[in-house]
PDB file of all heavy atoms in Angstrom:
ATOM      1  N   LYS A   1      15.907 -38.219 -33.498  1.00  0.00           N
ATOM      2  CA  LYS A   1      16.670 -38.984 -34.487  1.00  0.00           C
ATOM      3  C   LYS A   1      16.021 -40.344 -34.758  1.00  0.00           C
ATOM      4  O   LYS A   1      16.027 -40.827 -35.882  1.00  0.00           O
ATOM      5  CB  LYS A   1      18.112 -39.162 -34.022  1.00  0.00           C
ATOM      6  CG  LYS A   1      18.978 -39.871 -35.043  1.00  0.00           C
ATOM      7  CD  LYS A   1      20.411 -39.975 -34.561  1.00  0.00           C
ATOM      8  CE  LYS A   1      21.231 -40.756 -35.530  1.00  0.00           C
ATOM      9  NZ  LYS A   1      21.870 -39.981 -36.539  1.00  0.00           N
ATOM     10  N   GLN A   2      15.439 -40.937 -33.732  1.00  0.00           N
ATOM     11  CA  GLN A   2      14.821 -42.257 -33.910  1.00  0.00           C
ATOM     12  C   GLN A   2      13.627 -42.219 -34.863  1.00  0.00           C
ATOM     13  O   GLN A   2      13.224 -43.249 -35.397  1.00  0.00           O
ATOM     14  CB  GLN A   2      14.408 -42.836 -32.559  1.00  0.00           C
ATOM     15  CG  GLN A   2      13.249 -42.106 -31.899  1.00  0.00           C
ATOM     16  CD  GLN A   2      12.880 -42.664 -30.549  1.00  0.00           C
ATOM     17  OE1 GLN A   2      13.030 -43.860 -30.306  1.00  0.00           O
ATOM     18  NE2 GLN A   2      12.404 -41.805 -29.657  1.00  0.00           N
ATOM     19  N   TYR A   3      13.073 -41.039 -35.104  1.00  0.00           N
ATOM     20  CA  TYR A   3      11.928 -40.908 -36.011  1.00  0.00           C
ATOM     21  C   TYR A   3      12.344 -40.508 -37.428  1.00  0.00           C
ATOM     22  O   TYR A   3      11.512 -40.443 -38.319  1.00  0.00           O
ATOM     23  CB  TYR A   3      10.925 -39.890 -35.459  1.00  0.00           C
ATOM     24  CG  TYR A   3      10.245 -40.375 -34.205  1.00  0.00           C
ATOM     25  CD1 TYR A   3      10.679 -39.964 -32.945  1.00  0.00           C
ATOM     26  CD2 TYR A   3       9.183 -41.268 -34.273  1.00  0.00           C
ATOM     27  CE1 TYR A   3      10.066 -40.415 -31.795  1.00  0.00           C
ATOM     28  CE2 TYR A   3       8.566 -41.728 -33.119  1.00  0.00           C
ATOM     29  CZ  TYR A   3       9.016 -41.300 -31.887  1.00  0.00           C
ATOM     30  OH  TYR A   3       8.401 -41.753 -30.754  1.00  0.00           O
ATOM     31  N   SER A   4      13.632 -40.219 -37.615  1.00  0.00           N
ATOM     32  CA  SER A   4      14.113 -39.847 -38.945  1.00  0.00           C
ATOM     33  C   SER A   4      13.988 -41.020 -39.907  1.00  0.00           C
ATOM     34  O   SER A   4      14.062 -42.175 -39.501  1.00  0.00           O
ATOM     35  CB  SER A   4      15.572 -39.393 -38.880  1.00  0.00           C
ATOM     36  OG  SER A   4      15.678 -38.169 -38.191  1.00  0.00           O
ATOM     37  N   THR A   5      13.805 -40.694 -41.182  1.00  0.00           N
ATOM     38  CA  THR A   5      13.690 -41.721 -42.216  1.00  0.00           C
ATOM     39  C   THR A   5      14.682 -41.403 -43.332  1.00  0.00           C
ATOM     40  O   THR A   5      15.426 -40.419 -43.258  1.00  0.00           O
ATOM     41  CB  THR A   5      12.262 -41.733 -42.813  1.00  0.00           C
ATOM     42  OG1 THR A   5      12.050 -40.490 -43.513  1.00  0.00           O
ATOM     43  CG2 THR A   5      11.206 -41.913 -41.736  1.00  0.00           C
ATOM     44  N   ASP A   6      14.656 -42.215 -44.366  1.00  0.00           N
ATOM     45  CA  ASP A   6      15.497 -41.935 -45.525  1.00  0.00           C
ATOM     46  C   ASP A   6      15.078 -40.641 -46.220  1.00  0.00           C
ATOM     47  O   ASP A   6      15.874 -40.001 -46.887  1.00  0.00           O
ATOM     48  CB  ASP A   6      15.419 -43.083 -46.538  1.00  0.00           C
ATOM     49  CG  ASP A   6      16.070 -44.345 -46.023  1.00  0.00           C
ATOM     50  OD1 ASP A   6      16.911 -44.247 -45.096  1.00  0.00           O
ATOM     51  OD2 ASP A   6      15.751 -45.430 -46.536  1.00  0.00           O
ATOM     52  N   HIS A   7      13.815 -40.254 -46.056  1.00  0.00           N
ATOM     53  CA  HIS A   7      13.284 -39.082 -46.743  1.00  0.00           C
ATOM     54  C   HIS A   7      13.329 -37.812 -45.899  1.00  0.00           C
ATOM     55  O   HIS A   7      13.431 -36.717 -46.438  1.00  0.00           O
ATOM     56  CB  HIS A   7      11.843 -39.327 -47.195  1.00  0.00           C
ATOM     57  CG  HIS A   7      11.717 -40.501 -48.111  1.00  0.00           C
ATOM     58  ND1 HIS A   7      12.215 -40.501 -49.391  1.00  0.00           N
ATOM     59  CD2 HIS A   7      11.181 -41.724 -47.928  1.00  0.00           C
ATOM     60  CE1 HIS A   7      11.982 -41.669 -49.961  1.00  0.00           C
ATOM     61  NE2 HIS A   7      11.352 -42.428 -49.092  1.00  0.00           N
ATOM     62  N   LEU A   8      13.213 -37.966 -44.588  1.00  0.00           N
ATOM     63  CA  LEU A   8      13.209 -36.798 -43.699  1.00  0.00           C
ATOM     64  C   LEU A   8      14.096 -37.062 -42.492  1.00  0.00           C
ATOM     65  O   LEU A   8      13.901 -38.037 -41.766  1.00  0.00           O
ATOM     66  CB  LEU A   8      11.796 -36.483 -43.209  1.00  0.00           C
ATOM     67  CG  LEU A   8      10.842 -35.813 -44.179  1.00  0.00           C
ATOM     68  CD1 LEU A   8       9.471 -35.641 -43.532  1.00  0.00           C
ATOM     69  CD2 LEU A   8      11.357 -34.462 -44.621  1.00  0.00           C
ATOM     70  N   GLU A   9      15.044 -36.159 -42.285  1.00  0.00           N
ATOM     71  CA  GLU A   9      15.871 -36.213 -41.088  1.00  0.00           C
ATOM     72  C   GLU A   9      15.421 -35.082 -40.177  1.00  0.00           C
ATOM     73  O   GLU A   9      15.406 -33.914 -40.587  1.00  0.00           O
ATOM     74  CB  GLU A   9      17.346 -36.027 -41.444  1.00  0.00           C
ATOM     75  CG  GLU A   9      18.231 -36.005 -40.223  1.00  0.00           C
ATOM     76  CD  GLU A   9      19.678 -35.665 -40.536  1.00  0.00           C
ATOM     77  OE1 GLU A   9      20.010 -35.438 -41.701  1.00  0.00           O
ATOM     78  OE2 GLU A   9      20.475 -35.606 -39.585  1.00  0.00           O
ATOM     79  N   TYR A  10      15.038 -35.434 -38.964  1.00  0.00           N
ATOM     80  CA  TYR A  10      14.576 -34.431 -38.006  1.00  0.00           C
ATOM     81  C   TYR A  10      15.775 -33.897 -37.236  1.00  0.00           C
ATOM     82  O   TYR A  10      16.495 -34.641 -36.592  1.00  0.00           O
ATOM     83  CB  TYR A  10      13.526 -35.029 -37.068  1.00  0.00           C
ATOM     84  CG  TYR A  10      12.317 -35.503 -37.826  1.00  0.00           C
ATOM     85  CD1 TYR A  10      12.056 -36.853 -37.998  1.00  0.00           C
ATOM     86  CD2 TYR A  10      11.449 -34.589 -38.406  1.00  0.00           C
ATOM     87  CE1 TYR A  10      10.958 -37.288 -38.720  1.00  0.00           C
ATOM     88  CE2 TYR A  10      10.348 -35.012 -39.132  1.00  0.00           C
ATOM     89  CZ  TYR A  10      10.110 -36.360 -39.284  1.00  0.00           C
ATOM     90  OH  TYR A  10       9.031 -36.773 -40.004  1.00  0.00           O
ATOM     91  N   ILE A  11      15.965 -32.596 -37.319  1.00  0.00           N
ATOM     92  CA  ILE A  11      17.104 -31.925 -36.706  1.00  0.00           C
ATOM     93  C   ILE A  11      16.584 -31.069 -35.555  1.00  0.00           C
ATOM     94  O   ILE A  11      15.555 -30.402 -35.683  1.00  0.00           O
ATOM     95  CB  ILE A  11      17.824 -31.050 -37.750  1.00  0.00           C
ATOM     96  CG1 ILE A  11      18.262 -31.924 -38.930  1.00  0.00           C
ATOM     97  CG2 ILE A  11      19.011 -30.318 -37.139  1.00  0.00           C
ATOM     98  CD1 ILE A  11      18.614 -31.146 -40.179  1.00  0.00           C
ATOM     99  N   VAL A  12      17.311 -31.072 -34.452  1.00  0.00           N
ATOM    100  CA  VAL A  12      16.926 -30.282 -33.285  1.00  0.00           C
ATOM    101  C   VAL A  12      18.071 -29.326 -32.966  1.00  0.00           C
ATOM    102  O   VAL A  12      19.235 -29.730 -32.923  1.00  0.00           O
ATOM    103  CB  VAL A  12      16.643 -31.174 -32.055  1.00  0.00           C
ATOM    104  CG1 VAL A  12      16.194 -30.326 -30.877  1.00  0.00           C
ATOM    105  CG2 VAL A  12      15.613 -32.237 -32.377  1.00  0.00           C
ATOM    106  N   GLU A  13      17.727 -28.084 -32.732  1.00  0.00           N
ATOM    107  CA  GLU A  13      18.704 -27.068 -32.339  1.00  0.00           C
ATOM    108  C   GLU A  13      18.065 -26.144 -31.309  1.00  0.00           C
ATOM    109  O   GLU A  13      16.840 -26.012 -31.262  1.00  0.00           O
ATOM    110  CB  GLU A  13      19.155 -26.239 -33.545  1.00  0.00           C
ATOM    111  CG  GLU A  13      19.929 -27.020 -34.571  1.00  0.00           C
ATOM    112  CD  GLU A  13      20.369 -26.164 -35.753  1.00  0.00           C
ATOM    113  OE1 GLU A  13      20.197 -24.924 -35.706  1.00  0.00           O
ATOM    114  OE2 GLU A  13      20.876 -26.750 -36.717  1.00  0.00           O
ATOM    115  N   ALA A  14      18.904 -25.503 -30.513  1.00  0.00           N
ATOM    116  CA  ALA A  14      18.406 -24.481 -29.592  1.00  0.00           C
ATOM    117  C   ALA A  14      17.824 -23.338 -30.413  1.00  0.00           C
ATOM    118  O   ALA A  14      18.316 -23.033 -31.500  1.00  0.00           O
ATOM    119  CB  ALA A  14      19.529 -23.980 -28.703  1.00  0.00           C
ATOM    120  N   GLN A  15      16.772 -22.732 -29.908  1.00  0.00           N
ATOM    121  CA  GLN A  15      16.126 -21.616 -30.614  1.00  0.00           C
ATOM    122  C   GLN A  15      16.129 -20.405 -29.675  1.00  0.00           C
ATOM    123  O   GLN A  15      15.160 -20.130 -28.985  1.00  0.00           O
ATOM    124  CB  GLN A  15      14.710 -22.009 -31.029  1.00  0.00           C
ATOM    125  CG  GLN A  15      13.979 -20.980 -31.848  1.00  0.00           C
ATOM    126  CD  GLN A  15      14.608 -20.758 -33.216  1.00  0.00           C
ATOM    127  OE1 GLN A  15      15.206 -21.657 -33.782  1.00  0.00           O
ATOM    128  NE2 GLN A  15      14.475 -19.569 -33.745  1.00  0.00           N
ATOM    129  N   PRO A  16      17.240 -19.647 -29.657  1.00  0.00           N
ATOM    130  CA  PRO A  16      17.354 -18.536 -28.706  1.00  0.00           C
ATOM    131  C   PRO A  16      16.636 -17.261 -29.132  1.00  0.00           C
ATOM    132  O   PRO A  16      16.513 -16.335 -28.336  1.00  0.00           O
ATOM    133  CB  PRO A  16      18.865 -18.294 -28.644  1.00  0.00           C
ATOM    134  CG  PRO A  16      19.354 -18.715 -29.987  1.00  0.00           C
ATOM    135  CD  PRO A  16      18.461 -19.850 -30.410  1.00  0.00           C
ATOM    136  N   GLU A  17      16.188 -17.196 -30.387  1.00  0.00           N
ATOM    137  CA  GLU A  17      15.537 -15.982 -30.877  1.00  0.00           C
ATOM    138  C   GLU A  17      14.353 -16.339 -31.762  1.00  0.00           C
ATOM    139  O   GLU A  17      14.163 -17.494 -32.122  1.00  0.00           O
ATOM    140  CB  GLU A  17      16.534 -15.122 -31.655  1.00  0.00           C
ATOM    141  CG  GLU A  17      17.096 -15.828 -32.886  1.00  0.00           C
ATOM    142  CD  GLU A  17      18.075 -14.961 -33.664  1.00  0.00           C
ATOM    143  OE1 GLU A  17      17.781 -13.764 -33.848  1.00  0.00           O
ATOM    144  OE2 GLU A  17      19.104 -15.484 -34.091  1.00  0.00           O
ATOM    145  N   SER A  18      13.591 -15.345 -32.126  1.00  0.00           N
ATOM    146  CA  SER A  18      12.392 -15.611 -32.919  1.00  0.00           C
ATOM    147  C   SER A  18      12.715 -15.968 -34.367  1.00  0.00           C
ATOM    148  O   SER A  18      11.999 -16.721 -34.998  1.00  0.00           O
ATOM    149  CB  SER A  18      11.448 -14.412 -32.867  1.00  0.00           C
ATOM    150  OG  SER A  18      12.044 -13.284 -33.468  1.00  0.00           O
ATOM    151  N   LYS A  19      13.813 -15.433 -34.910  1.00  0.00           N
ATOM    152  CA  LYS A  19      14.168 -15.676 -36.302  1.00  0.00           C
ATOM    153  C   LYS A  19      14.654 -17.110 -36.495  1.00  0.00           C
ATOM    154  O   LYS A  19      15.449 -17.619 -35.719  1.00  0.00           O
ATOM    155  CB  LYS A  19      15.253 -14.697 -36.750  1.00  0.00           C
ATOM    156  CG  LYS A  19      15.591 -14.803 -38.227  1.00  0.00           C
ATOM    157  CD  LYS A  19      16.423 -13.631 -38.706  1.00  0.00           C
ATOM    158  CE  LYS A  19      17.871 -13.849 -38.395  1.00  0.00           C
ATOM    159  NZ  LYS A  19      18.750 -12.844 -39.011  1.00  0.00           N
ATOM    160  N   ILE A  20      14.150 -17.761 -37.542  1.00  0.00           N
ATOM    161  CA  ILE A  20      14.572 -19.121 -37.874  1.00  0.00           C
ATOM    162  C   ILE A  20      15.822 -18.996 -38.736  1.00  0.00           C
ATOM    163  O   ILE A  20      15.749 -18.816 -39.945  1.00  0.00           O
ATOM    164  CB  ILE A  20      13.441 -19.890 -38.589  1.00  0.00           C
ATOM    165  CG1 ILE A  20      12.210 -19.953 -37.684  1.00  0.00           C
ATOM    166  CG2 ILE A  20      13.909 -21.289 -38.971  1.00  0.00           C
ATOM    167  CD1 ILE A  20      10.987 -20.576 -38.332  1.00  0.00           C
ATOM    168  N   THR A  21      16.971 -19.094 -38.104  1.00  0.00           N
ATOM    169  CA  THR A  21      18.233 -18.765 -38.759  1.00  0.00           C
ATOM    170  C   THR A  21      18.744 -19.835 -39.717  1.00  0.00           C
ATOM    171  O   THR A  21      19.666 -19.569 -40.484  1.00  0.00           O
ATOM    172  CB  THR A  21      19.327 -18.475 -37.714  1.00  0.00           C
ATOM    173  OG1 THR A  21      19.462 -19.607 -36.855  1.00  0.00           O
ATOM    174  CG2 THR A  21      18.972 -17.244 -36.896  1.00  0.00           C
ATOM    175  N   VAL A  22      18.174 -21.038 -39.702  1.00  0.00           N
ATOM    176  CA  VAL A  22      18.634 -22.067 -40.643  1.00  0.00           C
ATOM    177  C   VAL A  22      18.180 -21.763 -42.071  1.00  0.00           C
ATOM    178  O   VAL A  22      18.695 -22.340 -43.017  1.00  0.00           O
ATOM    179  CB  VAL A  22      18.210 -23.499 -40.222  1.00  0.00           C
ATOM    180  CG1 VAL A  22      18.852 -23.881 -38.904  1.00  0.00           C
ATOM    181  CG2 VAL A  22      16.710 -23.617 -40.147  1.00  0.00           C
ATOM    182  N   ILE A  23      17.238 -20.857 -42.214  1.00  0.00           N
ATOM    183  CA  ILE A  23      16.810 -20.405 -43.537  1.00  0.00           C
ATOM    184  C   ILE A  23      17.556 -19.118 -43.839  1.00  0.00           C
ATOM    185  O   ILE A  23      17.446 -18.136 -43.109  1.00  0.00           O
ATOM    186  CB  ILE A  23      15.281 -20.179 -43.606  1.00  0.00           C
ATOM    187  CG1 ILE A  23      14.562 -21.498 -43.410  1.00  0.00           C
ATOM    188  CG2 ILE A  23      14.886 -19.535 -44.916  1.00  0.00           C
ATOM    189  CD1 ILE A  23      13.063 -21.387 -43.464  1.00  0.00           C
ATOM    190  N   GLU A  24      18.333 -19.135 -44.911  1.00  0.00           N
ATOM    191  CA  GLU A  24      19.164 -17.983 -45.251  1.00  0.00           C
ATOM    192  C   GLU A  24      18.389 -16.890 -45.969  1.00  0.00           C
ATOM    193  O   GLU A  24      18.606 -15.706 -45.718  1.00  0.00           O
ATOM    194  CB  GLU A  24      20.335 -18.431 -46.128  1.00  0.00           C
ATOM    195  CG  GLU A  24      21.286 -19.365 -45.430  1.00  0.00           C
ATOM    196  CD  GLU A  24      22.342 -19.933 -46.367  1.00  0.00           C
ATOM    197  OE1 GLU A  24      22.470 -19.448 -47.504  1.00  0.00           O
ATOM    198  OE2 GLU A  24      23.024 -20.876 -45.947  1.00  0.00           O
ATOM    199  N   ASN A  25      17.537 -17.264 -46.887  1.00  0.00           N
ATOM    200  CA  ASN A  25      16.836 -16.283 -47.722  1.00  0.00           C
ATOM    201  C   ASN A  25      15.476 -15.947 -47.131  1.00  0.00           C
ATOM    202  O   ASN A  25      14.572 -16.763 -47.136  1.00  0.00           O
ATOM    203  CB  ASN A  25      16.672 -16.829 -49.146  1.00  0.00           C
ATOM    204  CG  ASN A  25      18.011 -17.101 -49.795  1.00  0.00           C
ATOM    205  OD1 ASN A  25      19.006 -16.472 -49.471  1.00  0.00           O
ATOM    206  ND2 ASN A  25      18.048 -18.051 -50.721  1.00  0.00           N
ATOM    207  N   ASP A  26      15.347 -14.739 -46.612  1.00  0.00           N
ATOM    208  CA  ASP A  26      14.095 -14.243 -46.043  1.00  0.00           C
ATOM    209  C   ASP A  26      13.549 -15.172 -44.955  1.00  0.00           C
ATOM    210  O   ASP A  26      12.460 -15.746 -45.101  1.00  0.00           O
ATOM    211  CB  ASP A  26      13.063 -14.039 -47.152  1.00  0.00           C
ATOM    212  CG  ASP A  26      11.838 -13.282 -46.680  1.00  0.00           C
ATOM    213  OD1 ASP A  26      11.962 -12.481 -45.735  1.00  0.00           O
ATOM    214  OD2 ASP A  26      10.758 -13.499 -47.251  1.00  0.00           O
ATOM    215  N   PRO A  27      14.295 -15.337 -43.861  1.00  0.00           N
ATOM    216  CA  PRO A  27      13.869 -16.279 -42.816  1.00  0.00           C
ATOM    217  C   PRO A  27      12.588 -15.845 -42.104  1.00  0.00           C
ATOM    218  O   PRO A  27      12.423 -14.661 -41.804  1.00  0.00           O
ATOM    219  CB  PRO A  27      15.050 -16.297 -41.848  1.00  0.00           C
ATOM    220  CG  PRO A  27      15.771 -15.023 -42.080  1.00  0.00           C
ATOM    221  CD  PRO A  27      15.529 -14.645 -43.507  1.00  0.00           C
ATOM    222  N   PRO A  28      11.705 -16.801 -41.852  1.00  0.00           N
ATOM    223  CA  PRO A  28      10.499 -16.495 -41.074  1.00  0.00           C
ATOM    224  C   PRO A  28      10.844 -16.365 -39.591  1.00  0.00           C
ATOM    225  O   PRO A  28      11.967 -16.636 -39.182  1.00  0.00           O
ATOM    226  CB  PRO A  28       9.586 -17.696 -41.330  1.00  0.00           C
ATOM    227  CG  PRO A  28      10.513 -18.804 -41.667  1.00  0.00           C
ATOM    228  CD  PRO A  28      11.717 -18.191 -42.306  1.00  0.00           C
ATOM    229  N   ARG A  29       9.873 -15.987 -38.801  1.00  0.00           N
ATOM    230  CA  ARG A  29      10.046 -15.840 -37.352  1.00  0.00           C
ATOM    231  C   ARG A  29       8.953 -16.602 -36.625  1.00  0.00           C
ATOM    232  O   ARG A  29       7.848 -16.739 -37.130  1.00  0.00           O
ATOM    233  CB  ARG A  29       9.978 -14.368 -36.942  1.00  0.00           C
ATOM    234  CG  ARG A  29      11.084 -13.529 -37.508  1.00  0.00           C
ATOM    235  CD  ARG A  29      10.984 -12.080 -37.024  1.00  0.00           C
ATOM    236  NE  ARG A  29      12.112 -11.297 -37.473  1.00  0.00           N
ATOM    237  CZ  ARG A  29      13.281 -11.233 -36.849  1.00  0.00           C
ATOM    238  NH1 ARG A  29      13.453 -11.886 -35.723  1.00  0.00           N
ATOM    239  NH2 ARG A  29      14.263 -10.504 -37.330  1.00  0.00           N
ATOM    240  N   PHE A  30       9.293 -17.056 -35.432  1.00  0.00           N
ATOM    241  CA  PHE A  30       8.287 -17.624 -34.544  1.00  0.00           C
ATOM    242  C   PHE A  30       7.697 -16.463 -33.745  1.00  0.00           C
ATOM    243  O   PHE A  30       8.406 -15.782 -33.006  1.00  0.00           O
ATOM    244  CB  PHE A  30       8.905 -18.644 -33.581  1.00  0.00           C
ATOM    245  CG  PHE A  30       9.246 -19.961 -34.207  1.00  0.00           C
ATOM    246  CD1 PHE A  30      10.550 -20.429 -34.178  1.00  0.00           C
ATOM    247  CD2 PHE A  30       8.279 -20.749 -34.804  1.00  0.00           C
ATOM    248  CE1 PHE A  30      10.877 -21.653 -34.730  1.00  0.00           C
ATOM    249  CE2 PHE A  30       8.592 -21.970 -35.368  1.00  0.00           C
ATOM    250  CZ  PHE A  30       9.897 -22.426 -35.324  1.00  0.00           C
ATOM    251  N   LEU A  31       6.427 -16.232 -33.880  1.00  0.00           N
ATOM    252  CA  LEU A  31       5.784 -15.130 -33.172  1.00  0.00           C
ATOM    253  C   LEU A  31       5.779 -15.344 -31.663  1.00  0.00           C
ATOM    254  O   LEU A  31       5.836 -14.388 -30.900  1.00  0.00           O
ATOM    255  CB  LEU A  31       4.361 -14.939 -33.693  1.00  0.00           C
ATOM    256  CG  LEU A  31       4.253 -14.567 -35.168  1.00  0.00           C
ATOM    257  CD1 LEU A  31       2.790 -14.467 -35.582  1.00  0.00           C
ATOM    258  CD2 LEU A  31       4.986 -13.273 -35.464  1.00  0.00           C
ATOM    259  N   SER A  32       5.731 -16.593 -31.226  1.00  0.00           N
ATOM    260  CA  SER A  32       5.696 -16.913 -29.800  1.00  0.00           C
ATOM    261  C   SER A  32       6.985 -16.551 -29.084  1.00  0.00           C
ATOM    262  O   SER A  32       7.021 -16.468 -27.870  1.00  0.00           O
ATOM    263  CB  SER A  32       5.429 -18.402 -29.598  1.00  0.00           C
ATOM    264  OG  SER A  32       4.245 -18.779 -30.233  1.00  0.00           O
ATOM    265  N   MET A  33       8.065 -16.358 -29.826  1.00  0.00           N
ATOM    266  CA  MET A  33       9.375 -16.096 -29.230  1.00  0.00           C
ATOM    267  C   MET A  33       9.680 -14.610 -29.086  1.00  0.00           C
ATOM    268  O   MET A  33      10.739 -14.247 -28.611  1.00  0.00           O
ATOM    269  CB  MET A  33      10.470 -16.706 -30.120  1.00  0.00           C
ATOM    270  CG  MET A  33      10.510 -18.189 -30.169  1.00  0.00           C
ATOM    271  SD  MET A  33      11.349 -18.935 -28.782  1.00  0.00           S
ATOM    272  CE  MET A  33      12.913 -18.104 -28.768  1.00  0.00           C
ATOM    273  N   LEU A  34       8.798 -13.749 -29.487  1.00  0.00           N
ATOM    274  CA  LEU A  34       9.133 -12.336 -29.560  1.00  0.00           C
ATOM    275  C   LEU A  34       9.481 -11.725 -28.208  1.00  0.00           C
ATOM    276  O   LEU A  34      10.340 -10.873 -28.118  1.00  0.00           O
ATOM    277  CB  LEU A  34       7.997 -11.555 -30.226  1.00  0.00           C
ATOM    278  CG  LEU A  34       7.789 -11.886 -31.705  1.00  0.00           C
ATOM    279  CD1 LEU A  34       6.627 -11.085 -32.272  1.00  0.00           C
ATOM    280  CD2 LEU A  34       9.050 -11.598 -32.501  1.00  0.00           C
ATOM    281  N   ASN A  35       8.831 -12.132 -27.153  1.00  0.00           N
ATOM    282  CA  ASN A  35       9.073 -11.511 -25.846  1.00  0.00           C
ATOM    283  C   ASN A  35       9.419 -12.533 -24.777  1.00  0.00           C
ATOM    284  O   ASN A  35       8.965 -12.431 -23.645  1.00  0.00           O
ATOM    285  CB  ASN A  35       7.844 -10.699 -25.409  1.00  0.00           C
ATOM    286  CG  ASN A  35       7.605  -9.504 -26.298  1.00  0.00           C
ATOM    287  OD1 ASN A  35       8.555  -8.818 -26.656  1.00  0.00           O
ATOM    288  ND2 ASN A  35       6.369  -9.263 -26.673  1.00  0.00           N
ATOM    289  N   THR A  36      10.215 -13.501 -25.122  1.00  0.00           N
ATOM    290  CA  THR A  36      10.599 -14.490 -24.124  1.00  0.00           C
ATOM    291  C   THR A  36      11.993 -14.173 -23.615  1.00  0.00           C
ATOM    292  O   THR A  36      12.787 -13.537 -24.283  1.00  0.00           O
ATOM    293  CB  THR A  36      10.601 -15.917 -24.710  1.00  0.00           C
ATOM    294  OG1 THR A  36      11.599 -15.968 -25.725  1.00  0.00           O
ATOM    295  CG2 THR A  36       9.259 -16.297 -25.266  1.00  0.00           C
ATOM    296  N   GLY A  37      12.281 -14.622 -22.451  1.00  0.00           N
ATOM    297  CA  GLY A  37      13.616 -14.431 -21.903  1.00  0.00           C
ATOM    298  C   GLY A  37      14.198 -15.748 -21.428  1.00  0.00           C
ATOM    299  O   GLY A  37      15.210 -15.762 -20.758  1.00  0.00           O
ATOM    300  N   THR A  38      13.558 -16.834 -21.784  1.00  0.00           N
ATOM    301  CA  THR A  38      14.019 -18.136 -21.302  1.00  0.00           C
ATOM    302  C   THR A  38      14.805 -18.867 -22.381  1.00  0.00           C
ATOM    303  O   THR A  38      14.780 -18.500 -23.543  1.00  0.00           O
ATOM    304  CB  THR A  38      12.821 -19.012 -20.886  1.00  0.00           C
ATOM    305  OG1 THR A  38      12.073 -19.333 -22.051  1.00  0.00           O
ATOM    306  CG2 THR A  38      11.931 -18.311 -19.884  1.00  0.00           C
ATOM    307  N   HIS A  39      15.500 -19.899 -21.973  1.00  0.00           N
ATOM    308  CA  HIS A  39      16.304 -20.705 -22.889  1.00  0.00           C
ATOM    309  C   HIS A  39      15.734 -22.115 -23.025  1.00  0.00           C
ATOM    310  O   HIS A  39      16.473 -23.048 -23.274  1.00  0.00           O
ATOM    311  CB  HIS A  39      17.752 -20.763 -22.393  1.00  0.00           C
ATOM    312  CG  HIS A  39      18.361 -19.406 -22.264  1.00  0.00           C
ATOM    313  ND1 HIS A  39      18.765 -18.675 -23.359  1.00  0.00           N
ATOM    314  CD2 HIS A  39      18.611 -18.638 -21.183  1.00  0.00           C
ATOM    315  CE1 HIS A  39      19.253 -17.521 -22.954  1.00  0.00           C
ATOM    316  NE2 HIS A  39      19.170 -17.470 -21.649  1.00  0.00           N
ATOM    317  N   ASP A  40      14.444 -22.241 -22.861  1.00  0.00           N
ATOM    318  CA  ASP A  40      13.786 -23.544 -22.899  1.00  0.00           C
ATOM    319  C   ASP A  40      13.197 -23.861 -24.266  1.00  0.00           C
ATOM    320  O   ASP A  40      12.409 -24.786 -24.394  1.00  0.00           O
ATOM    321  CB  ASP A  40      12.656 -23.598 -21.863  1.00  0.00           C
ATOM    322  CG  ASP A  40      13.159 -23.378 -20.451  1.00  0.00           C
ATOM    323  OD1 ASP A  40      14.362 -23.610 -20.207  1.00  0.00           O
ATOM    324  OD2 ASP A  40      12.352 -22.979 -19.603  1.00  0.00           O
ATOM    325  N   TYR A  41      13.552 -23.110 -25.285  1.00  0.00           N
ATOM    326  CA  TYR A  41      12.957 -23.287 -26.609  1.00  0.00           C
ATOM    327  C   TYR A  41      13.940 -23.960 -27.565  1.00  0.00           C
ATOM    328  O   TYR A  41      15.121 -23.633 -27.596  1.00  0.00           O
ATOM    329  CB  TYR A  41      12.525 -21.945 -27.199  1.00  0.00           C
ATOM    330  CG  TYR A  41      11.334 -21.357 -26.490  1.00  0.00           C
ATOM    331  CD1 TYR A  41      11.497 -20.472 -25.435  1.00  0.00           C
ATOM    332  CD2 TYR A  41      10.046 -21.684 -26.879  1.00  0.00           C
ATOM    333  CE1 TYR A  41      10.410 -19.928 -24.784  1.00  0.00           C
ATOM    334  CE2 TYR A  41       8.944 -21.145 -26.238  1.00  0.00           C
ATOM    335  CZ  TYR A  41       9.135 -20.265 -25.192  1.00  0.00           C
ATOM    336  OH  TYR A  41       8.056 -19.734 -24.557  1.00  0.00           O
ATOM    337  N   TYR A  42      13.390 -24.880 -28.350  1.00  0.00           N
ATOM    338  CA  TYR A  42      14.172 -25.594 -29.354  1.00  0.00           C
ATOM    339  C   TYR A  42      13.360 -25.651 -30.637  1.00  0.00           C
ATOM    340  O   TYR A  42      12.136 -25.579 -30.613  1.00  0.00           O
ATOM    341  CB  TYR A  42      14.496 -27.020 -28.885  1.00  0.00           C
ATOM    342  CG  TYR A  42      15.344 -27.046 -27.638  1.00  0.00           C
ATOM    343  CD1 TYR A  42      14.761 -27.016 -26.372  1.00  0.00           C
ATOM    344  CD2 TYR A  42      16.724 -27.091 -27.729  1.00  0.00           C
ATOM    345  CE1 TYR A  42      15.541 -27.018 -25.224  1.00  0.00           C
ATOM    346  CE2 TYR A  42      17.515 -27.106 -26.587  1.00  0.00           C
ATOM    347  CZ  TYR A  42      16.913 -27.062 -25.351  1.00  0.00           C
ATOM    348  OH  TYR A  42      17.688 -27.068 -24.226  1.00  0.00           O
ATOM    349  N   ILE A  43      14.078 -25.801 -31.745  1.00  0.00           N
ATOM    350  CA  ILE A  43      13.415 -25.970 -33.027  1.00  0.00           C
ATOM    351  C   ILE A  43      13.669 -27.397 -33.498  1.00  0.00           C
ATOM    352  O   ILE A  43      14.784 -27.908 -33.407  1.00  0.00           O
ATOM    353  CB  ILE A  43      13.924 -24.932 -34.061  1.00  0.00           C
ATOM    354  CG1 ILE A  43      13.157 -25.062 -35.382  1.00  0.00           C
ATOM    355  CG2 ILE A  43      15.416 -25.043 -34.279  1.00  0.00           C
ATOM    356  CD1 ILE A  43      13.468 -23.971 -36.390  1.00  0.00           C
ATOM    357  N   VAL A  44      12.605 -28.043 -33.944  1.00  0.00           N
ATOM    358  CA  VAL A  44      12.697 -29.349 -34.591  1.00  0.00           C
ATOM    359  C   VAL A  44      12.309 -29.092 -36.037  1.00  0.00           C
ATOM    360  O   VAL A  44      11.218 -28.588 -36.308  1.00  0.00           O
ATOM    361  CB  VAL A  44      11.724 -30.376 -33.967  1.00  0.00           C
ATOM    362  CG1 VAL A  44      11.846 -31.725 -34.662  1.00  0.00           C
ATOM    363  CG2 VAL A  44      11.949 -30.502 -32.472  1.00  0.00           C
TER     364      VAL A  44
END
């Protein structure tokens, strides 16, 4: 949050799966998440 500006707000959320769910229309996927079982991943 301290790096956010008037033009860009940086949002952080847990990323439990490969699909980027904040994009509704044809969401991309993180390839690195395909076979993970940990909960240490976040999306900025």
